[in-house]
Protein backbone atom coordinates (compact mmCIF):
# COMPACT_ATOMS: atom_id res chain seq x y z
CA MET A 1 -134.37 133.22 -35.22
CA PRO A 2 -136.20 132.55 -38.47
CA ASN A 3 -136.72 129.00 -39.66
CA TYR A 4 -134.57 129.70 -42.74
CA ASP A 5 -131.47 130.45 -40.60
CA LEU A 6 -132.11 127.39 -38.43
CA GLY A 7 -132.36 125.19 -41.54
CA ILE A 8 -129.01 126.48 -42.82
CA LEU A 9 -127.37 125.75 -39.45
CA ILE A 10 -128.81 122.23 -39.33
CA THR A 11 -127.65 121.57 -42.91
CA LEU A 12 -124.20 122.91 -42.08
CA ASN A 13 -124.04 120.71 -38.97
CA ILE A 14 -125.01 117.61 -40.96
CA GLY A 15 -122.48 118.46 -43.67
CA LEU A 16 -119.63 118.95 -41.21
CA THR A 17 -120.55 115.71 -39.44
CA LEU A 18 -120.46 113.80 -42.72
CA VAL A 19 -117.11 115.37 -43.64
CA GLY A 20 -115.75 114.32 -40.24
CA ILE A 21 -116.99 110.75 -40.64
CA LEU A 22 -115.54 110.56 -44.16
CA GLY A 23 -112.19 111.95 -42.99
CA THR A 24 -112.07 109.45 -40.14
CA ALA A 25 -112.84 106.57 -42.50
CA ILE A 26 -110.11 107.66 -44.93
CA GLY A 27 -107.63 107.99 -42.06
CA LEU A 28 -108.43 104.54 -40.70
CA ILE A 29 -108.13 102.94 -44.14
CA THR A 30 -104.78 104.65 -44.68
CA MET A 31 -103.48 103.54 -41.28
CA SER A 32 -104.57 99.93 -41.87
CA ARG A 33 -102.75 99.85 -45.22
CA MET A 34 -99.60 101.26 -43.62
CA LEU A 35 -99.83 98.70 -40.81
CA GLY A 36 -100.13 95.89 -43.35
CA ARG A 37 -97.01 97.09 -45.15
CA GLN A 38 -95.09 97.35 -41.89
CA LEU A 39 -96.12 93.84 -40.84
CA ARG A 40 -95.00 92.41 -44.18
CA GLU A 41 -91.68 94.22 -43.84
CA ILE A 42 -91.20 92.91 -40.30
CA GLN A 43 -91.98 89.38 -41.48
CA LEU A 44 -89.43 89.61 -44.30
CA THR A 45 -86.81 90.99 -41.91
CA GLY A 46 -87.46 88.12 -39.50
CA GLU A 47 -87.04 85.60 -42.29
CA ARG A 48 -83.75 87.21 -43.33
CA VAL A 49 -82.46 87.15 -39.75
CA ALA A 50 -83.47 83.48 -39.38
CA ASN A 51 -81.65 82.66 -42.62
CA ILE A 52 -78.50 84.44 -41.42
CA CYS A 53 -78.68 82.61 -38.07
CA GLU A 54 -78.96 79.25 -39.82
CA ARG A 55 -75.90 80.02 -41.95
CA ILE A 56 -73.91 81.08 -38.89
CA ASP A 57 -74.98 77.91 -37.10
CA VAL A 58 -73.82 75.75 -40.01
CA ARG A 59 -70.46 77.54 -40.14
CA LEU A 60 -69.93 77.23 -36.40
CA ARG A 61 -70.80 73.54 -36.41
CA ARG A 62 -68.32 72.95 -39.26
CA SER A 63 -65.56 74.79 -37.42
CA PHE A 64 -66.41 73.38 -33.98
CA PRO A 65 -68.14 70.00 -34.32
CA ASN A 66 -68.54 69.54 -30.58
CA ILE A 67 -70.03 72.99 -29.93
CA GLY A 68 -73.34 71.48 -28.83
CA ASP A 69 -71.61 69.50 -26.07
CA ASP A 70 -69.93 72.63 -24.72
CA LEU A 71 -73.22 74.49 -24.47
CA LEU A 72 -74.90 71.82 -22.35
């Protein structure tokens, strides 16, 4: 095998390796951004649920003032 052909193969190997590393980096960055969005959405949903629970608690305590005694 001539040195010229070997040089082309080595260059091709290096190029494909760099493309693979770049693709992996782009994929990881994209996944981390998506995870951040999902975590923010989960946090907002949790806050909404907590707010709804507080409102239900207030309504129940107005309707049944001794509800805490019944639970214990």
